[in-house]
Amino acid sequence: MLFLFPGLIKGLAYSQAYFIYKDKLRLTGLKPGLMDCLNESQRLMEGHKLQFLSLQLSFVGWGFLVIFTFGLAGFYVYPYYWMTLSGFYAELVDKR
């Protein structure tokens, strides 16, 4: 329990690092550093961790559907999930 909650909070803080990496790579053509992306993600997620956690929890039912259909529903769920995450990132960047 001692490592679970801080790990969850840091995981939420660093959750946007992939999108930041892809954005900087697309805009500049240069690979950004790992720590730059993690620090930027941490700054971007300040005050939005609970909102992102509730977004993640809203997909639990979809995950069960994928399991019950032996992965067949994943053809619909995974693109929907990733588009939702990218929309969340775009909304965060627009607020900045």
PDB file of N, CA and C in Angstrom:
ATOM      1  N   MET A   1       0.819  -1.199   0.000  1.00  0.00           N
ATOM      2  CA  MET A   1       0.000   0.000   0.000  1.00  0.00           C
ATOM      3  C   MET A   1       0.862   1.263   0.000  1.00  0.00           C
ATOM      4  N   LEU A   2       2.027   1.134   0.604  1.00  0.00           N
ATOM      5  CA  LEU A   2       2.898   2.295   0.726  1.00  0.00           C
ATOM      6  C   LEU A   2       3.402   2.764  -0.628  1.00  0.00           C
ATOM      7  N   PHE A   3       3.592   1.837  -1.563  1.00  0.00           N
ATOM      8  CA  PHE A   3       4.093   2.189  -2.888  1.00  0.00           C
ATOM      9  C   PHE A   3       2.974   2.333  -3.918  1.00  0.00           C
ATOM     10  N   LEU A   4       1.791   1.845  -3.609  1.00  0.00           N
ATOM     11  CA  LEU A   4       0.703   1.843  -4.576  1.00  0.00           C
ATOM     12  C   LEU A   4       0.201   3.254  -4.880  1.00  0.00           C
ATOM     13  N   PHE A   5      -0.112   4.018  -3.874  1.00  0.00           N
ATOM     14  CA  PHE A   5      -0.686   5.338  -4.105  1.00  0.00           C
ATOM     15  C   PHE A   5       0.300   6.348  -4.693  1.00  0.00           C
ATOM     16  N   PRO A   6       1.529   6.420  -4.196  1.00  0.00           N
ATOM     17  CA  PRO A   6       2.479   7.329  -4.866  1.00  0.00           C
ATOM     18  C   PRO A   6       2.769   6.907  -6.300  1.00  0.00           C
ATOM     19  N   GLY A   7       2.818   5.606  -6.545  1.00  0.00           N
ATOM     20  CA  GLY A   7       3.032   5.119  -7.908  1.00  0.00           C
ATOM     21  C   GLY A   7       1.873   5.470  -8.818  1.00  0.00           C
ATOM     22  N   LEU A   8       0.659   5.370  -8.308  1.00  0.00           N
ATOM     23  CA  LEU A   8      -0.525   5.736  -9.082  1.00  0.00           C
ATOM     24  C   LEU A   8      -0.524   7.229  -9.409  1.00  0.00           C
ATOM     25  N   ILE A   9      -0.166   8.036  -8.440  1.00  0.00           N
ATOM     26  CA  ILE A   9      -0.141   9.490  -8.650  1.00  0.00           C
ATOM     27  C   ILE A   9       0.937   9.861  -9.673  1.00  0.00           C
ATOM     28  N   LYS A  10       2.108   9.250  -9.570  1.00  0.00           N
ATOM     29  CA  LYS A  10       3.171   9.531 -10.541  1.00  0.00           C
ATOM     30  C   LYS A  10       2.802   9.006 -11.921  1.00  0.00           C
ATOM     31  N   GLY A  11       2.142   7.862 -11.976  1.00  0.00           N
ATOM     32  CA  GLY A  11       1.686   7.324 -13.255  1.00  0.00           C
ATOM     33  C   GLY A  11       0.712   8.257 -13.940  1.00  0.00           C
ATOM     34  N   LEU A  12      -0.165   8.863 -13.160  1.00  0.00           N
ATOM     35  CA  LEU A  12      -1.107   9.831 -13.722  1.00  0.00           C
ATOM     36  C   LEU A  12      -0.372  11.099 -14.161  1.00  0.00           C
ATOM     37  N   ALA A  13       0.626  11.504 -13.381  1.00  0.00           N
ATOM     38  CA  ALA A  13       1.380  12.715 -13.716  1.00  0.00           C
ATOM     39  C   ALA A  13       2.174  12.541 -15.005  1.00  0.00           C
ATOM     40  N   TYR A  14       2.685  11.338 -15.242  1.00  0.00           N
ATOM     41  CA  TYR A  14       3.508  11.083 -16.425  1.00  0.00           C
ATOM     42  C   TYR A  14       2.707  10.535 -17.604  1.00  0.00           C
ATOM     43  N   SER A  15       1.404  10.494 -17.510  1.00  0.00           N
ATOM     44  CA  SER A  15       0.573   9.830 -18.519  1.00  0.00           C
ATOM     45  C   SER A  15       0.583  10.512 -19.888  1.00  0.00           C
ATOM     46  N   GLN A  16       0.925  11.759 -19.954  1.00  0.00           N
ATOM     47  CA  GLN A  16       0.882  12.471 -21.228  1.00  0.00           C
ATOM     48  C   GLN A  16       2.236  12.537 -21.918  1.00  0.00           C
ATOM     49  N   ALA A  17       3.244  11.869 -21.372  1.00  0.00           N
ATOM     50  CA  ALA A  17       4.597  11.940 -21.920  1.00  0.00           C
ATOM     51  C   ALA A  17       4.672  11.408 -23.350  1.00  0.00           C
ATOM     52  N   TYR A  18       3.923  10.351 -23.654  1.00  0.00           N
ATOM     53  CA  TYR A  18       3.935   9.790 -25.014  1.00  0.00           C
ATOM     54  C   TYR A  18       3.420  10.809 -26.027  1.00  0.00           C
ATOM     55  N   PHE A  19       2.328  11.468 -25.699  1.00  0.00           N
ATOM     56  CA  PHE A  19       1.757  12.450 -26.616  1.00  0.00           C
ATOM     57  C   PHE A  19       2.674  13.666 -26.766  1.00  0.00           C
ATOM     58  N   ILE A  20       3.325  14.068 -25.686  1.00  0.00           N
ATOM     59  CA  ILE A  20       4.270  15.181 -25.741  1.00  0.00           C
ATOM     60  C   ILE A  20       5.456  14.810 -26.623  1.00  0.00           C
ATOM     61  N   TYR A  21       5.950  13.585 -26.471  1.00  0.00           N
ATOM     62  CA  TYR A  21       7.063  13.107 -27.298  1.00  0.00           C
ATOM     63  C   TYR A  21       6.688  13.160 -28.777  1.00  0.00           C
ATOM     64  N   LYS A  22       5.518  12.619 -29.112  1.00  0.00           N
ATOM     65  CA  LYS A  22       5.089  12.590 -30.511  1.00  0.00           C
ATOM     66  C   LYS A  22       4.859  13.999 -31.055  1.00  0.00           C
ATOM     67  N   ASP A  23       4.315  14.896 -30.229  1.00  0.00           N
ATOM     68  CA  ASP A  23       4.092  16.277 -30.652  1.00  0.00           C
ATOM     69  C   ASP A  23       5.410  16.986 -30.956  1.00  0.00           C
ATOM     70  N   LYS A  24       6.365  16.887 -30.036  1.00  0.00           N
ATOM     71  CA  LYS A  24       7.655  17.560 -30.237  1.00  0.00           C
ATOM     72  C   LYS A  24       8.416  16.968 -31.411  1.00  0.00           C
ATOM     73  N   LEU A  25       8.320  15.659 -31.587  1.00  0.00           N
ATOM     74  CA  LEU A  25       8.981  15.009 -32.715  1.00  0.00           C
ATOM     75  C   LEU A  25       8.376  15.484 -34.030  1.00  0.00           C
ATOM     76  N   ARG A  26       7.058  15.626 -34.058  1.00  0.00           N
ATOM     77  CA  ARG A  26       6.376  16.068 -35.280  1.00  0.00           C
ATOM     78  C   ARG A  26       6.674  17.539 -35.562  1.00  0.00           C
ATOM     79  N   LEU A  27       6.700  18.372 -34.534  1.00  0.00           N
ATOM     80  CA  LEU A  27       6.885  19.814 -34.736  1.00  0.00           C
ATOM     81  C   LEU A  27       8.332  20.198 -35.054  1.00  0.00           C
ATOM     82  N   THR A  28       9.290  19.561 -34.368  1.00  0.00           N
ATOM     83  CA  THR A  28      10.682  19.970 -34.544  1.00  0.00           C
ATOM     84  C   THR A  28      11.477  19.016 -35.425  1.00  0.00           C
ATOM     85  N   GLY A  29      11.058  17.765 -35.496  1.00  0.00           N
ATOM     86  CA  GLY A  29      11.816  16.775 -36.248  1.00  0.00           C
ATOM     87  C   GLY A  29      12.962  16.182 -35.451  1.00  0.00           C
ATOM     88  N   LEU A  30      13.157  16.661 -34.235  1.00  0.00           N
ATOM     89  CA  LEU A  30      14.211  16.154 -33.357  1.00  0.00           C
ATOM     90  C   LEU A  30      13.590  15.342 -32.230  1.00  0.00           C
ATOM     91  N   LYS A  31      14.301  14.297 -31.807  1.00  0.00           N
ATOM     92  CA  LYS A  31      13.798  13.490 -30.703  1.00  0.00           C
ATOM     93  C   LYS A  31      14.020  14.227 -29.387  1.00  0.00           C
ATOM     94  N   PRO A  32      12.957  14.478 -28.650  1.00  0.00           N
ATOM     95  CA  PRO A  32      13.129  15.135 -27.343  1.00  0.00           C
ATOM     96  C   PRO A  32      13.631  14.143 -26.309  1.00  0.00           C
ATOM     97  N   GLY A  33      14.212  14.655 -25.253  1.00  0.00           N
ATOM     98  CA  GLY A  33      14.716  13.798 -24.186  1.00  0.00           C
ATOM     99  C   GLY A  33      13.593  13.234 -23.338  1.00  0.00           C
ATOM    100  N   LEU A  34      13.852  12.091 -22.724  1.00  0.00           N
ATOM    101  CA  LEU A  34      12.861  11.437 -21.892  1.00  0.00           C
ATOM    102  C   LEU A  34      12.464  12.312 -20.706  1.00  0.00           C
ATOM    103  N   MET A  35      13.445  12.863 -20.024  1.00  0.00           N
ATOM    104  CA  MET A  35      13.144  13.682 -18.845  1.00  0.00           C
ATOM    105  C   MET A  35      12.402  14.957 -19.218  1.00  0.00           C
ATOM    106  N   ASP A  36      12.675  15.507 -20.392  1.00  0.00           N
ATOM    107  CA  ASP A  36      11.940  16.688 -20.840  1.00  0.00           C
ATOM    108  C   ASP A  36      10.456  16.368 -21.003  1.00  0.00           C
ATOM    109  N   CYS A  37      10.180  15.220 -21.604  1.00  0.00           N
ATOM    110  CA  CYS A  37       8.786  14.811 -21.807  1.00  0.00           C
ATOM    111  C   CYS A  37       8.097  14.511 -20.481  1.00  0.00           C
ATOM    112  N   LEU A  38       8.804  13.852 -19.566  1.00  0.00           N
ATOM    113  CA  LEU A  38       8.208  13.535 -18.265  1.00  0.00           C
ATOM    114  C   LEU A  38       7.941  14.789 -17.450  1.00  0.00           C
ATOM    115  N   ASN A  39       8.880  15.727 -17.455  1.00  0.00           N
ATOM    116  CA  ASN A  39       8.677  16.977 -16.711  1.00  0.00           C
ATOM    117  C   ASN A  39       7.553  17.802 -17.316  1.00  0.00           C
ATOM    118  N   GLU A  40       7.477  17.844 -18.633  1.00  0.00           N
ATOM    119  CA  GLU A  40       6.395  18.569 -19.300  1.00  0.00           C
ATOM    120  C   GLU A  40       5.048  17.932 -18.991  1.00  0.00           C
ATOM    121  N   SER A  41       5.008  16.616 -18.969  1.00  0.00           N
ATOM    122  CA  SER A  41       3.770  15.910 -18.643  1.00  0.00           C
ATOM    123  C   SER A  41       3.343  16.207 -17.215  1.00  0.00           C
ATOM    124  N   GLN A  42       4.296  16.244 -16.315  1.00  0.00           N
ATOM    125  CA  GLN A  42       3.984  16.533 -14.919  1.00  0.00           C
ATOM    126  C   GLN A  42       3.414  17.948 -14.772  1.00  0.00           C
ATOM    127  N   ARG A  43       3.982  18.909 -15.484  1.00  0.00           N
ATOM    128  CA  ARG A  43       3.463  20.280 -15.436  1.00  0.00           C
ATOM    129  C   ARG A  43       2.077  20.366 -16.069  1.00  0.00           C
ATOM    130  N   LEU A  44       1.882  19.634 -17.153  1.00  0.00           N
ATOM    131  CA  LEU A  44       0.617  19.663 -17.873  1.00  0.00           C
ATOM    132  C   LEU A  44      -0.516  19.043 -17.060  1.00  0.00           C
ATOM    133  N   MET A  45      -0.215  18.029 -16.261  1.00  0.00           N
ATOM    134  CA  MET A  45      -1.240  17.306 -15.516  1.00  0.00           C
ATOM    135  C   MET A  45      -1.549  17.911 -14.143  1.00  0.00           C
ATOM    136  N   GLU A  46      -0.887  18.995 -13.784  1.00  0.00           N
ATOM    137  CA  GLU A  46      -1.177  19.630 -12.493  1.00  0.00           C
ATOM    138  C   GLU A  46      -2.632  20.061 -12.448  1.00  0.00           C
ATOM    139  N   GLY A  47      -3.366  19.517 -11.497  1.00  0.00           N
ATOM    140  CA  GLY A  47      -4.769  19.851 -11.331  1.00  0.00           C
ATOM    141  C   GLY A  47      -5.713  19.051 -12.208  1.00  0.00           C
ATOM    142  N   HIS A  48      -5.194  18.110 -12.977  1.00  0.00           N
ATOM    143  CA  HIS A  48      -6.037  17.325 -13.887  1.00  0.00           C
ATOM    144  C   HIS A  48      -5.927  15.821 -13.653  1.00  0.00           C
ATOM    145  N   LYS A  49      -5.227  15.413 -12.595  1.00  0.00           N
ATOM    146  CA  LYS A  49      -5.019  13.984 -12.363  1.00  0.00           C
ATOM    147  C   LYS A  49      -6.321  13.257 -12.050  1.00  0.00           C
ATOM    148  N   LEU A  50      -7.168  13.859 -11.233  1.00  0.00           N
ATOM    149  CA  LEU A  50      -8.439  13.225 -10.876  1.00  0.00           C
ATOM    150  C   LEU A  50      -9.353  13.111 -12.092  1.00  0.00           C
ATOM    151  N   GLN A  51      -9.338  14.110 -12.930  1.00  0.00           N
ATOM    152  CA  GLN A  51     -10.120  14.080 -14.165  1.00  0.00           C
ATOM    153  C   GLN A  51      -9.631  12.952 -15.079  1.00  0.00           C
ATOM    154  N   PHE A  52      -8.320  12.775 -15.183  1.00  0.00           N
ATOM    155  CA  PHE A  52      -7.770  11.711 -16.015  1.00  0.00           C
ATOM    156  C   PHE A  52      -8.054  10.337 -15.414  1.00  0.00           C
ATOM    157  N   LEU A  53      -8.000  10.234 -14.090  1.00  0.00           N
ATOM    158  CA  LEU A  53      -8.314   8.968 -13.432  1.00  0.00           C
ATOM    159  C   LEU A  53      -9.759   8.569 -13.685  1.00  0.00           C
ATOM    160  N   SER A  54     -10.674   9.518 -13.598  1.00  0.00           N
ATOM    161  CA  SER A  54     -12.078   9.199 -13.864  1.00  0.00           C
ATOM    162  C   SER A  54     -12.283   8.821 -15.332  1.00  0.00           C
ATOM    163  N   LEU A  55     -11.522   9.427 -16.230  1.00  0.00           N
ATOM    164  CA  LEU A  55     -11.588   9.038 -17.640  1.00  0.00           C
ATOM    165  C   LEU A  55     -11.112   7.601 -17.819  1.00  0.00           C
ATOM    166  N   GLN A  56     -10.019   7.246 -17.153  1.00  0.00           N
ATOM    167  CA  GLN A  56      -9.505   5.883 -17.235  1.00  0.00           C
ATOM    168  C   GLN A  56     -10.500   4.874 -16.654  1.00  0.00           C
ATOM    169  N   LEU A  57     -11.112   5.225 -15.526  1.00  0.00           N
ATOM    170  CA  LEU A  57     -12.065   4.316 -14.894  1.00  0.00           C
ATOM    171  C   LEU A  57     -13.331   4.141 -15.717  1.00  0.00           C
ATOM    172  N   SER A  58     -13.640   5.103 -16.566  1.00  0.00           N
ATOM    173  CA  SER A  58     -14.833   4.966 -17.398  1.00  0.00           C
ATOM    174  C   SER A  58     -14.673   3.888 -18.464  1.00  0.00           C
ATOM    175  N   PHE A  59     -13.462   3.424 -18.689  1.00  0.00           N
ATOM    176  CA  PHE A  59     -13.211   2.381 -19.685  1.00  0.00           C
ATOM    177  C   PHE A  59     -13.131   0.980 -19.085  1.00  0.00           C
ATOM    178  N   VAL A  60     -13.393   0.831 -17.795  1.00  0.00           N
ATOM    179  CA  VAL A  60     -13.334  -0.484 -17.163  1.00  0.00           C
ATOM    180  C   VAL A  60     -14.374  -1.419 -17.771  1.00  0.00           C
ATOM    181  N   GLY A  61     -15.571  -0.927 -17.976  1.00  0.00           N
ATOM    182  CA  GLY A  61     -16.623  -1.745 -18.586  1.00  0.00           C
ATOM    183  C   GLY A  61     -16.261  -2.190 -19.992  1.00  0.00           C
ATOM    184  N   TRP A  62     -15.649  -1.308 -20.739  1.00  0.00           N
ATOM    185  CA  TRP A  62     -15.203  -1.668 -22.088  1.00  0.00           C
ATOM    186  C   TRP A  62     -14.134  -2.745 -22.030  1.00  0.00           C
ATOM    187  N   GLY A  63     -13.272  -2.686 -21.022  1.00  0.00           N
ATOM    188  CA  GLY A  63     -12.250  -3.708 -20.852  1.00  0.00           C
ATOM    189  C   GLY A  63     -12.859  -5.078 -20.588  1.00  0.00           C
ATOM    190  N   PHE A  64     -13.900  -5.112 -19.759  1.00  0.00           N
ATOM    191  CA  PHE A  64     -14.593  -6.379 -19.521  1.00  0.00           C
ATOM    192  C   PHE A  64     -15.241  -6.898 -20.796  1.00  0.00           C
ATOM    193  N   LEU A  65     -15.781  -5.992 -21.608  1.00  0.00           N
ATOM    194  CA  LEU A  65     -16.378  -6.411 -22.869  1.00  0.00           C
ATOM    195  C   LEU A  65     -15.329  -7.042 -23.787  1.00  0.00           C
ATOM    196  N   VAL A  66     -14.146  -6.473 -23.822  1.00  0.00           N
ATOM    197  CA  VAL A  66     -13.064  -7.036 -24.638  1.00  0.00           C
ATOM    198  C   VAL A  66     -12.695  -8.426 -24.126  1.00  0.00           C
ATOM    199  N   ILE A  67     -12.643  -8.591 -22.809  1.00  0.00           N
ATOM    200  CA  ILE A  67     -12.308  -9.894 -22.231  1.00  0.00           C
ATOM    201  C   ILE A  67     -13.390 -10.921 -22.552  1.00  0.00           C
ATOM    202  N   PHE A  68     -14.655 -10.541 -22.382  1.00  0.00           N
ATOM    203  CA  PHE A  68     -15.758 -11.483 -22.599  1.00  0.00           C
ATOM    204  C   PHE A  68     -15.916 -11.886 -24.058  1.00  0.00           C
ATOM    205  N   THR A  69     -15.490 -11.039 -24.977  1.00  0.00           N
ATOM    206  CA  THR A  69     -15.590 -11.378 -26.401  1.00  0.00           C
ATOM    207  C   THR A  69     -14.270 -11.924 -26.943  1.00  0.00           C
ATOM    208  N   PHE A  70     -13.362 -12.291 -26.021  1.00  0.00           N
ATOM    209  CA  PHE A  70     -12.055 -12.849 -26.385  1.00  0.00           C
ATOM    210  C   PHE A  70     -11.282 -11.928 -27.329  1.00  0.00           C
ATOM    211  N   GLY A  71     -11.363 -10.630 -27.094  1.00  0.00           N
ATOM    212  CA  GLY A  71     -10.592  -9.654 -27.844  1.00  0.00           C
ATOM    213  C   GLY A  71     -11.272  -9.106 -29.085  1.00  0.00           C
ATOM    214  N   LEU A  72     -12.403  -9.663 -29.465  1.00  0.00           N
ATOM    215  CA  LEU A  72     -13.066  -9.231 -30.687  1.00  0.00           C
ATOM    216  C   LEU A  72     -13.573  -7.790 -30.585  1.00  0.00           C
ATOM    217  N   ALA A  73     -14.066  -7.408 -29.425  1.00  0.00           N
ATOM    218  CA  ALA A  73     -14.550  -6.040 -29.243  1.00  0.00           C
ATOM    219  C   ALA A  73     -13.413  -5.026 -29.248  1.00  0.00           C
ATOM    220  N   GLY A  74     -12.180  -5.508 -29.132  1.00  0.00           N
ATOM    221  CA  GLY A  74     -11.022  -4.625 -29.158  1.00  0.00           C
ATOM    222  C   GLY A  74     -10.873  -3.869 -30.461  1.00  0.00           C
ATOM    223  N   PHE A  75     -11.415  -4.416 -31.546  1.00  0.00           N
ATOM    224  CA  PHE A  75     -11.363  -3.705 -32.822  1.00  0.00           C
ATOM    225  C   PHE A  75     -12.117  -2.388 -32.763  1.00  0.00           C
ATOM    226  N   TYR A  76     -13.099  -2.301 -31.889  1.00  0.00           N
ATOM    227  CA  TYR A  76     -13.839  -1.054 -31.694  1.00  0.00           C
ATOM    228  C   TYR A  76     -13.298  -0.278 -30.502  1.00  0.00           C
ATOM    229  N   VAL A  77     -12.985  -0.981 -29.411  1.00  0.00           N
ATOM    230  CA  VAL A  77     -12.654  -0.322 -28.150  1.00  0.00           C
ATOM    231  C   VAL A  77     -11.292   0.360 -28.189  1.00  0.00           C
ATOM    232  N   TYR A  78     -10.266  -0.287 -28.726  1.00  0.00           N
ATOM    233  CA  TYR A  78      -8.923   0.289 -28.678  1.00  0.00           C
ATOM    234  C   TYR A  78      -8.801   1.595 -29.467  1.00  0.00           C
ATOM    235  N   PRO A  79      -9.319   1.689 -30.677  1.00  0.00           N
ATOM    236  CA  PRO A  79      -9.261   2.995 -31.343  1.00  0.00           C
ATOM    237  C   PRO A  79     -10.066   4.063 -30.605  1.00  0.00           C
ATOM    238  N   TYR A  80     -11.208   3.672 -30.050  1.00  0.00           N
ATOM    239  CA  TYR A  80     -12.034   4.607 -29.271  1.00  0.00           C
ATOM    240  C   TYR A  80     -11.277   5.080 -28.035  1.00  0.00           C
ATOM    241  N   TYR A  81     -10.598   4.164 -27.365  1.00  0.00           N
ATOM    242  CA  TYR A  81      -9.832   4.494 -26.169  1.00  0.00           C
ATOM    243  C   TYR A  81      -8.695   5.469 -26.497  1.00  0.00           C
ATOM    244  N   TRP A  82      -7.925   5.174 -27.546  1.00  0.00           N
ATOM    245  CA  TRP A  82      -6.792   6.031 -27.882  1.00  0.00           C
ATOM    246  C   TRP A  82      -7.230   7.385 -28.423  1.00  0.00           C
ATOM    247  N   MET A  83      -8.321   7.440 -29.126  1.00  0.00           N
ATOM    248  CA  MET A  83      -8.823   8.738 -29.595  1.00  0.00           C
ATOM    249  C   MET A  83      -9.325   9.575 -28.423  1.00  0.00           C
ATOM    250  N   THR A  84      -9.901   8.920 -27.421  1.00  0.00           N
ATOM    251  CA  THR A  84     -10.339   9.641 -26.228  1.00  0.00           C
ATOM    252  C   THR A  84      -9.146  10.200 -25.473  1.00  0.00           C
ATOM    253  N   LEU A  85      -8.085   9.399 -25.336  1.00  0.00           N
ATOM    254  CA  LEU A  85      -6.881   9.885 -24.657  1.00  0.00           C
ATOM    255  C   LEU A  85      -6.228  11.026 -25.419  1.00  0.00           C
ATOM    256  N   SER A  86      -6.194  10.929 -26.737  1.00  0.00           N
ATOM    257  CA  SER A  86      -5.594  12.020 -27.516  1.00  0.00           C
ATOM    258  C   SER A  86      -6.464  13.268 -27.460  1.00  0.00           C
ATOM    259  N   GLY A  87      -7.772  13.106 -27.376  1.00  0.00           N
ATOM    260  CA  GLY A  87      -8.657  14.260 -27.203  1.00  0.00           C
ATOM    261  C   GLY A  87      -8.438  14.930 -25.853  1.00  0.00           C
ATOM    262  N   PHE A  88      -8.210  14.129 -24.822  1.00  0.00           N
ATOM    263  CA  PHE A  88      -7.901  14.677 -23.502  1.00  0.00           C
ATOM    264  C   PHE A  88      -6.607  15.478 -23.548  1.00  0.00           C
ATOM    265  N   TYR A  89      -5.602  14.933 -24.230  1.00  0.00           N
ATOM    266  CA  TYR A  89      -4.326  15.642 -24.369  1.00  0.00           C
ATOM    267  C   TYR A  89      -4.507  16.951 -25.134  1.00  0.00           C
ATOM    268  N   ALA A  90      -5.261  16.904 -26.217  1.00  0.00           N
ATOM    269  CA  ALA A  90      -5.482  18.112 -27.019  1.00  0.00           C
ATOM    270  C   ALA A  90      -6.200  19.181 -26.191  1.00  0.00           C
ATOM    271  N   GLU A  91      -7.131  18.751 -25.354  1.00  0.00           N
ATOM    272  CA  GLU A  91      -7.841  19.699 -24.502  1.00  0.00           C
ATOM    273  C   GLU A  91      -6.901  20.317 -23.456  1.00  0.00           C
ATOM    274  N   LEU A  92      -5.993  19.519 -22.927  1.00  0.00           N
ATOM    275  CA  LEU A  92      -5.015  20.044 -21.977  1.00  0.00           C
ATOM    276  C   LEU A  92      -4.090  21.053 -22.626  1.00  0.00           C
ATOM    277  N   VAL A  93      -3.646  20.765 -23.825  1.00  0.00           N
ATOM    278  CA  VAL A  93      -2.734  21.662 -24.534  1.00  0.00           C
ATOM    279  C   VAL A  93      -3.433  22.965 -24.900  1.00  0.00           C
ATOM    280  N   ASP A  94      -4.699  22.877 -25.272  1.00  0.00           N
ATOM    281  CA  ASP A  94      -5.456  24.083 -25.619  1.00  0.00           C
ATOM    282  C   ASP A  94      -5.672  24.974 -24.397  1.00  0.00           C
ATOM    283  N   LYS A  95      -5.809  24.388 -23.199  1.00  0.00           N
ATOM    284  CA  LYS A  95      -6.011  25.167 -21.983  1.00  0.00           C
ATOM    285  C   LYS A  95      -4.734  25.870 -21.541  1.00  0.00           C
ATOM    286  N   ARG A  96      -3.602  25.361 -21.971  1.00  0.00           N
ATOM    287  CA  ARG A  96      -2.311  25.900 -21.539  1.00  0.00           C
ATOM    288  C   ARG A  96      -2.043  27.217 -22.107  1.00  0.00           C
TER     289      ARG A  96
END
